[in-house]
């Protein structure tokens, strides 16, 4: 049986800021600017960005480990695993029912200032590409001209487990509403009450909902057994050889089927990342001279290994994330506490604020020296 890597869910140690000048907002902006504009001796001077859920919090989406994150507020949260989804009809009912409730807010959410700032950094010639762990498609929406590699897939489509055909998630939502009229009424009531429209997870919890990342909404005490979902339309019309796809009178997939199951086009927990995606993100890291992490704790191995790969190649590493990061002590062990940002940066500030300011600074081409502050915590290593 293959080893299943499970991401960290426990709180991570608080960040240690490097260089120490990055403890202030101006100092962090200056250090990041120095990181993105290294000496001309670099091969191409380009940075690859690795982004995580923290960059989308300002868009109203939940993250995992922030102060309002799922693992902080919802201690009982357990995501569905790929093998469960594939093998269990009841598990799929539960997944699609919760996704049905959460999709509306996710679908209407939009990229925030941080995403657009990333696009502007690309226009300034400092970036080579973006690797994102997020499945919200905000990066390709905000900067279609800057290459984005979606490490964990995307929620904008579903994909058939049998024929691999993709199907619009927006159209799928309509199909779910048609198959589940009582649930559609319940969703309308939740929207009317404001329980799904508010961006405040605490307010949602007061209304009886537990909101998790990726459009997952848990309503405590609700029964999911009555929920129905459609079959893959391609497999329904022409089942794969040796298989059958059956549906009830309303068009819902029946468990007597042996094919035609649609899943979200995301990499679920326990699911392998396709080799093509692995090779693409590894090449993006290899081709760049440095890597900047935005809004990720690197708790998932698929993300952490890319930073480890960059470190092993001697590339400079930058991290802008609110809260701790997995293994950061080893990534910054050789970065001096007093210095510029070109050797590495570790700051902890809201991305929707610091990234637009970084764009402004780079556009001005200012050579103002880094601001110093005595308000810092010395690194416990080095």
Protein backbone atom coordinates (compact mmCIF):
# COMPACT_ATOMS: atom_id res chain seq x y z
CA UNK A 1 0.00 0.00 0.00
CA UNK A 2 1.49 3.40 -0.95
CA UNK A 3 2.43 5.83 1.77
CA UNK A 4 -0.21 8.51 2.29
CA UNK A 5 1.28 11.83 3.31
CA UNK A 6 -1.03 13.77 5.60
CA UNK A 7 -0.46 17.53 6.03
CA UNK A 8 0.31 18.99 9.42
CA UNK A 9 -2.78 20.16 11.28
CA UNK A 10 -1.18 21.24 14.56
CA UNK A 11 -0.16 24.88 15.11
CA UNK A 12 3.30 25.77 13.82
CA UNK A 13 5.85 27.82 15.79
CA UNK A 14 5.60 31.60 15.36
CA UNK A 15 7.71 33.10 12.58
CA UNK A 16 11.13 34.58 13.15
CA UNK A 17 11.57 37.65 10.98
CA UNK A 18 14.57 37.91 8.66
CA UNK A 19 16.23 40.27 8.06
CA UNK A 20 15.23 41.87 11.33
CA UNK A 21 14.35 45.10 9.49
CA UNK A 22 11.39 43.20 7.94
CA UNK A 23 9.59 43.36 11.31
CA UNK A 24 8.13 46.69 10.19
CA UNK A 25 5.91 47.22 7.18
CA UNK A 26 8.36 49.55 5.36
CA UNK A 27 11.24 47.26 6.22
CA UNK A 28 9.43 44.20 4.89
CA UNK A 29 8.59 45.98 1.63
CA UNK A 30 12.20 47.07 1.23
CA UNK A 31 13.53 43.59 1.97
CA UNK A 32 11.13 41.99 -0.52
CA UNK A 33 12.14 44.55 -3.14
CA UNK A 34 15.79 43.69 -2.60
CA UNK A 35 14.93 40.00 -2.82
CA UNK A 36 13.15 40.44 -6.16
CA UNK A 37 15.86 42.69 -7.61
CA UNK A 38 19.06 40.76 -6.88
CA UNK A 39 22.47 41.57 -8.37
CA UNK A 40 22.75 41.14 -12.14
CA UNK A 41 25.08 38.18 -11.60
CA UNK A 42 22.05 35.88 -11.28
CA UNK A 43 21.36 33.74 -14.33
CA UNK A 44 18.07 35.38 -15.22
CA UNK A 45 17.10 37.31 -12.12
CA UNK A 46 13.64 35.78 -12.13
CA UNK A 47 11.62 34.56 -9.14
CA UNK A 48 9.05 31.78 -9.08
CA UNK A 49 6.17 32.30 -6.66
CA UNK A 50 4.54 29.52 -4.65
CA UNK A 51 1.20 30.66 -3.24
CA UNK A 52 -1.15 29.08 -0.71
CA UNK A 53 -4.53 29.65 0.89
CA UNK A 54 -3.34 32.75 2.76
CA UNK A 55 -3.33 34.84 -0.40
CA UNK A 56 -7.06 34.22 -0.92
CA UNK A 57 -8.27 35.03 2.61
CA UNK A 58 -8.86 38.66 1.62
CA UNK A 59 -11.22 37.36 -1.08
CA UNK A 60 -13.46 35.90 1.62
CA UNK A 61 -12.25 32.31 1.42
CA UNK A 62 -11.31 30.19 4.41
CA UNK A 63 -7.75 29.02 4.96
CA UNK A 64 -6.49 26.14 7.05
CA UNK A 65 -4.13 27.41 9.73
CA UNK A 66 -4.70 31.16 10.13
CA UNK A 67 -6.37 32.75 13.15
CA UNK A 68 -9.75 32.11 11.50
CA UNK A 69 -8.63 28.96 9.69
CA UNK A 70 -10.46 25.67 9.61
CA UNK A 71 -7.96 23.80 11.78
CA UNK A 72 -8.17 26.65 14.32
CA UNK A 73 -11.96 27.11 14.53
CA UNK A 74 -13.22 23.69 13.48
CA UNK A 75 -11.27 21.11 15.42
CA UNK A 76 -13.40 18.21 14.14
CA UNK A 77 -12.85 19.01 10.45
CA UNK A 78 -11.69 16.05 8.41
CA UNK A 79 -11.54 16.39 4.62
CA UNK A 80 -12.72 13.56 2.41
CA UNK A 81 -9.92 11.38 1.07
CA UNK A 82 -9.59 10.30 -2.53
CA UNK A 83 -10.04 6.59 -1.84
CA UNK A 84 -13.24 7.32 0.11
CA UNK A 85 -14.67 9.41 -2.70
CA UNK A 86 -13.90 6.74 -5.30
CA UNK A 87 -15.21 3.79 -3.30
CA UNK A 88 -18.17 5.10 -1.34
CA UNK A 89 -21.46 6.33 -2.81
CA UNK A 90 -22.56 7.72 0.57
CA UNK A 91 -19.28 9.64 0.94
CA UNK A 92 -19.87 11.21 -2.47
CA UNK A 93 -23.37 12.28 -1.42
CA UNK A 94 -21.91 13.98 1.63
CA UNK A 95 -19.17 15.66 -0.38
CA UNK A 96 -21.44 17.01 -3.13
CA UNK A 97 -24.13 18.16 -0.67
CA UNK A 98 -21.61 20.25 1.25
CA UNK A 99 -20.04 21.49 -1.95
CA UNK A 100 -23.48 22.42 -3.28
CA UNK A 101 -23.99 24.73 -0.30
CA UNK A 102 -20.51 26.23 -0.47
CA UNK A 103 -20.18 26.73 -4.22
CA UNK A 104 -22.29 29.90 -4.43
CA UNK A 105 -19.98 31.96 -2.23
CA UNK A 106 -16.87 30.49 -3.81
CA UNK A 107 -18.18 31.13 -7.32
CA UNK A 108 -18.96 34.78 -6.66
CA UNK A 109 -15.63 35.47 -4.93
CA UNK A 110 -12.99 37.34 -6.88
CA UNK A 111 -9.22 37.83 -6.83
CA UNK A 112 -8.01 40.45 -4.36
CA UNK A 113 -5.29 43.09 -4.43
CA UNK A 114 -2.59 40.52 -3.70
CA UNK A 115 -3.41 38.46 -6.80
CA UNK A 116 -3.39 41.53 -9.02
CA UNK A 117 -0.13 42.68 -7.44
CA UNK A 118 1.44 39.36 -8.42
CA UNK A 119 0.41 40.08 -12.01
CA UNK A 120 1.97 43.52 -11.78
CA UNK A 121 5.21 42.03 -10.47
CA UNK A 122 5.19 39.82 -13.54
CA UNK A 123 4.74 42.87 -15.78
CA UNK A 124 7.76 44.44 -14.09
CA UNK A 125 9.84 41.48 -15.23
CA UNK A 126 10.68 40.10 -11.79
CA UNK A 127 8.76 36.80 -12.05
CA UNK A 128 9.11 33.75 -14.23
CA UNK A 129 5.92 31.93 -13.21
CA UNK A 130 3.48 31.19 -10.39
CA UNK A 131 2.88 27.83 -8.75
CA UNK A 132 -0.27 27.83 -6.66
CA UNK A 133 -1.63 25.29 -4.20
CA UNK A 134 -5.01 27.01 -4.43
CA UNK A 135 -7.91 25.62 -6.43
CA UNK A 136 -9.90 28.87 -6.70
CA UNK A 137 -8.49 29.91 -10.13
CA UNK A 138 -7.84 33.45 -8.85
CA UNK A 139 -4.30 33.58 -10.22
CA UNK A 140 -5.17 32.81 -13.85
CA UNK A 141 -8.10 35.25 -13.58
CA UNK A 142 -5.99 38.07 -12.15
CA UNK A 143 -2.96 37.70 -14.44
CA UNK A 144 -3.69 35.57 -17.52
CA UNK A 145 -0.46 36.78 -19.12
CA UNK A 146 1.71 35.32 -16.35
CA UNK A 147 2.05 31.54 -16.41
CA UNK A 148 0.26 29.83 -13.54
CA UNK A 149 0.75 26.17 -12.62
CA UNK A 150 -2.10 24.82 -10.49
CA UNK A 151 -0.38 22.25 -8.31
CA UNK A 152 -3.56 20.88 -6.74
CA UNK A 153 -5.94 21.31 -9.66
CA UNK A 154 -8.99 23.59 -9.75
CA UNK A 155 -12.63 23.72 -8.71
CA UNK A 156 -13.91 25.39 -11.88
CA UNK A 157 -14.51 21.95 -13.44
CA UNK A 158 -15.41 18.42 -12.50
CA UNK A 159 -13.66 15.46 -14.10
CA UNK A 160 -14.89 11.94 -14.79
CA UNK A 161 -13.01 9.17 -13.01
CA UNK A 162 -13.64 6.86 -15.98
CA UNK A 163 -13.15 8.86 -19.18
CA UNK A 164 -11.33 11.92 -17.70
CA UNK A 165 -13.64 14.33 -19.54
CA UNK A 166 -14.02 17.66 -17.74
CA UNK A 167 -17.42 19.20 -17.10
CA UNK A 168 -18.20 22.76 -15.99
CA UNK A 169 -18.71 23.06 -12.22
CA UNK A 170 -21.15 25.90 -12.83
CA UNK A 171 -23.28 23.63 -15.02
CA UNK A 172 -22.85 20.82 -12.49
CA UNK A 173 -24.27 23.12 -9.78
CA UNK A 174 -27.42 23.58 -11.85
CA UNK A 175 -27.71 19.83 -12.31
CA UNK A 176 -27.42 19.34 -8.54
CA UNK A 177 -30.16 21.92 -7.92
CA UNK A 178 -32.46 20.18 -10.42
CA UNK A 179 -31.89 16.79 -8.79
CA UNK A 180 -32.26 18.10 -5.23
CA UNK A 181 -35.09 20.68 -5.12
CA UNK A 182 -35.41 20.59 -1.33
CA UNK A 183 -31.71 21.29 -0.99
CA UNK A 184 -32.03 24.14 -3.49
CA UNK A 185 -34.71 25.69 -1.28
CA UNK A 186 -32.47 25.23 1.77
CA UNK A 187 -29.58 26.89 -0.07
CA UNK A 188 -31.84 29.84 -0.98
CA UNK A 189 -32.82 30.18 2.67
CA UNK A 190 -29.20 30.15 3.77
CA UNK A 191 -28.38 32.85 1.23
CA UNK A 192 -31.38 34.90 2.34
CA UNK A 193 -30.31 34.68 5.99
CA UNK A 194 -26.82 35.88 5.11
CA UNK A 195 -25.23 32.75 6.52
CA UNK A 196 -23.37 32.08 3.26
CA UNK A 197 -22.90 35.62 2.05
CA UNK A 198 -20.94 36.86 5.05
CA UNK A 199 -17.16 36.63 4.80
CA UNK A 200 -16.81 36.35 8.57
CA UNK A 201 -16.40 32.69 9.61
CA UNK A 202 -17.45 33.52 13.18
CA UNK A 203 -20.77 34.90 11.94
CA UNK A 204 -21.32 31.77 9.88
CA UNK A 205 -20.70 29.58 12.90
CA UNK A 206 -23.29 31.58 14.87
CA UNK A 207 -25.79 30.75 12.11
CA UNK A 208 -25.05 27.05 12.50
CA UNK A 209 -22.57 26.59 9.68
CA UNK A 210 -18.97 25.44 9.68
CA UNK A 211 -17.19 26.83 6.64
CA UNK A 212 -14.10 25.05 5.40
CA UNK A 213 -11.72 25.69 2.50
CA UNK A 214 -12.53 24.91 -1.13
CA UNK A 215 -16.26 25.56 -0.92
CA UNK A 216 -17.06 22.99 1.77
CA UNK A 217 -19.91 23.89 4.15
CA UNK A 218 -20.91 21.68 7.07
CA UNK A 219 -24.38 22.03 8.59
CA UNK A 220 -24.31 20.14 11.91
CA UNK A 221 -27.07 17.57 12.29
CA UNK A 222 -28.11 17.50 8.65
CA UNK A 223 -28.72 14.19 6.85
CA UNK A 224 -26.86 13.80 3.56
CA UNK A 225 -28.33 10.44 2.49
CA UNK A 226 -31.06 11.97 0.33
CA UNK A 227 -28.66 13.98 -1.81
CA UNK A 228 -28.26 12.94 -5.45
CA UNK A 229 -25.67 13.75 -8.11
CA UNK A 230 -25.58 13.27 -11.90
CA UNK A 231 -23.50 10.89 -13.96
CA UNK A 232 -20.82 11.90 -16.44
CA UNK A 233 -22.78 12.82 -19.61
CA UNK A 234 -20.06 11.38 -21.88
CA UNK A 235 -20.01 7.99 -20.14
CA UNK A 236 -23.79 7.98 -19.98
CA UNK A 237 -24.01 8.31 -23.75
CA UNK A 238 -21.17 5.88 -24.45
CA UNK A 239 -20.06 3.81 -21.44
CA UNK A 240 -16.41 2.68 -21.44
CA UNK A 241 -15.87 -0.88 -22.63
CA UNK A 242 -17.04 -3.44 -20.12
CA UNK A 243 -18.81 -0.91 -17.90
CA UNK A 244 -22.31 0.40 -17.40
CA UNK A 245 -23.70 3.77 -16.35
CA UNK A 246 -27.24 3.84 -15.00
CA UNK A 247 -29.42 6.67 -13.71
CA UNK A 248 -32.82 7.02 -12.09
CA UNK A 249 -35.86 8.62 -13.70
CA UNK A 250 -34.63 12.10 -12.75
CA UNK A 251 -31.10 11.61 -14.05
CA UNK A 252 -29.22 10.80 -10.83
CA UNK A 253 -26.28 8.37 -10.89
CA UNK A 254 -27.20 4.95 -9.53
CA UNK A 255 -24.85 2.76 -7.44
CA UNK A 256 -25.50 -0.14 -9.84
CA UNK A 257 -23.23 1.76 -12.26
CA UNK A 258 -19.57 0.80 -12.69
CA UNK A 259 -18.42 4.06 -14.33
CA UNK A 260 -19.39 7.68 -14.89
CA UNK A 261 -18.54 9.18 -11.47
CA UNK A 262 -17.65 12.87 -11.56
CA UNK A 263 -15.22 14.30 -9.02
CA UNK A 264 -13.93 17.86 -8.55
CA UNK A 265 -10.94 18.53 -10.78
CA UNK A 266 -8.77 19.01 -7.69
CA UNK A 267 -6.14 16.80 -6.13
CA UNK A 268 -7.89 15.39 -3.09
CA UNK A 269 -6.13 14.32 0.08
CA UNK A 270 -4.46 11.00 -0.65
CA UNK A 271 -4.58 11.46 -4.41
CA UNK A 272 -1.38 11.56 -6.46
CA UNK A 273 -0.43 14.66 -8.41
CA UNK A 274 -0.20 13.83 -12.14
CA UNK A 275 3.36 13.34 -13.38
CA UNK A 276 2.94 16.09 -15.95
CA UNK A 277 2.12 18.60 -13.22
CA UNK A 278 5.03 17.39 -11.07
CA UNK A 279 7.48 17.83 -13.92
CA UNK A 280 6.10 21.28 -14.79
CA UNK A 281 6.41 22.68 -11.27
CA UNK A 282 9.85 21.16 -10.78
CA UNK A 283 11.01 22.76 -14.04
CA UNK A 284 9.58 26.10 -12.91
CA UNK A 285 11.66 25.88 -9.72
CA UNK A 286 14.77 24.74 -11.59
CA UNK A 287 14.55 27.55 -14.17
CA UNK A 288 14.18 30.36 -11.62
CA UNK A 289 16.93 31.86 -9.49
CA UNK A 290 14.88 32.25 -6.34
CA UNK A 291 11.52 31.26 -4.90
CA UNK A 292 9.04 33.36 -2.94
CA UNK A 293 6.32 31.71 -0.82
CA UNK A 294 3.12 33.73 -0.41
CA UNK A 295 0.47 32.71 2.10
CA UNK A 296 1.47 29.08 2.63
CA UNK A 297 2.56 27.22 5.74
CA UNK A 298 4.07 24.49 3.51
CA UNK A 299 2.22 21.92 5.60
CA UNK A 300 1.52 19.78 2.55
CA UNK A 301 4.45 17.73 1.33
CA UNK A 302 3.82 18.63 -2.33
CA UNK A 303 4.57 22.27 -1.54
CA UNK A 304 7.31 21.74 1.06
CA UNK A 305 9.34 19.54 -1.27
CA UNK A 306 9.53 22.34 -3.86
CA UNK A 307 11.11 24.71 -1.34
CA UNK A 308 13.44 21.93 -0.24
CA UNK A 309 14.37 21.41 -3.90
CA UNK A 310 15.15 25.11 -4.29
CA UNK A 311 17.28 25.08 -1.14
CA UNK A 312 19.26 22.07 -2.34
CA UNK A 313 20.04 23.98 -5.53
CA UNK A 314 21.34 26.93 -3.52
CA UNK A 315 18.51 29.28 -4.46
CA UNK A 316 17.46 32.14 -2.22
CA UNK A 317 14.15 31.63 -0.43
CA UNK A 318 11.60 34.23 0.63
CA UNK A 319 8.46 33.66 2.69
CA UNK A 320 5.63 36.11 3.34
CA UNK A 321 3.09 34.30 5.49
CA UNK A 322 1.04 35.15 8.55
CA UNK A 323 2.04 32.52 11.07
CA UNK A 324 4.56 29.73 11.10
CA UNK A 325 5.93 27.73 8.20
CA UNK A 326 6.91 24.07 8.22
CA UNK A 327 10.69 23.67 8.37
CA UNK A 328 11.48 27.37 8.10
CA UNK A 329 14.38 27.08 10.55
CA UNK A 330 16.28 24.95 8.03
CA UNK A 331 15.39 27.16 5.08
CA UNK A 332 16.74 30.29 6.76
CA UNK A 333 19.59 28.84 8.81
CA UNK A 334 22.23 30.68 6.75
CA UNK A 335 20.36 33.96 6.27
CA UNK A 336 21.94 36.75 8.35
CA UNK A 337 19.68 38.54 10.80
CA UNK A 338 21.22 41.88 9.90
CA UNK A 339 21.41 42.49 6.20
CA UNK A 340 19.47 43.07 3.01
CA UNK A 341 16.77 40.87 1.58
CA UNK A 342 18.67 39.35 -1.32
CA UNK A 343 19.92 36.39 0.74
CA UNK A 344 16.43 35.53 1.95
CA UNK A 345 13.33 37.14 3.47
CA UNK A 346 10.90 36.03 6.15
CA UNK A 347 8.07 38.42 6.98
CA UNK A 348 4.58 38.10 8.43
CA UNK A 349 2.24 40.74 7.03
CA UNK A 350 -1.10 40.78 5.16
CA UNK A 351 -0.36 40.08 1.50
CA UNK A 352 -3.15 42.33 0.23
CA UNK A 353 -1.29 45.22 1.86
CA UNK A 354 2.38 44.39 1.44
CA UNK A 355 2.32 43.22 -2.20
CA UNK A 356 0.72 46.39 -3.67
CA UNK A 357 3.23 48.44 -1.67
CA UNK A 358 6.02 46.27 -3.07
CA UNK A 359 4.82 46.96 -6.61
CA UNK A 360 4.82 50.70 -5.92
CA UNK A 361 8.34 50.58 -4.56
CA UNK A 362 9.68 48.63 -7.53
CA UNK A 363 7.95 50.97 -9.97
CA UNK A 364 9.54 53.97 -8.31
CA UNK A 365 12.93 52.27 -8.41
CA UNK A 366 13.72 53.81 -5.05
CA UNK A 367 17.12 53.19 -3.53
CA UNK A 368 16.06 54.21 -0.03
CA UNK A 369 18.07 52.06 2.42
CA UNK A 370 16.30 49.45 4.47
CA UNK A 371 14.70 50.77 7.63
CA UNK A 372 16.04 49.31 10.87
CA UNK A 373 14.14 48.51 14.02
CA UNK A 374 15.07 47.15 17.43
CA UNK A 375 11.62 45.52 17.72
CA UNK A 376 12.49 42.05 16.58
CA UNK A 377 12.95 38.53 17.88
CA UNK A 378 16.44 37.16 17.20
CA UNK A 379 16.55 33.94 15.23
CA UNK A 380 16.90 30.90 17.52
CA UNK A 381 19.22 29.27 15.00
CA UNK A 382 22.38 30.40 13.32
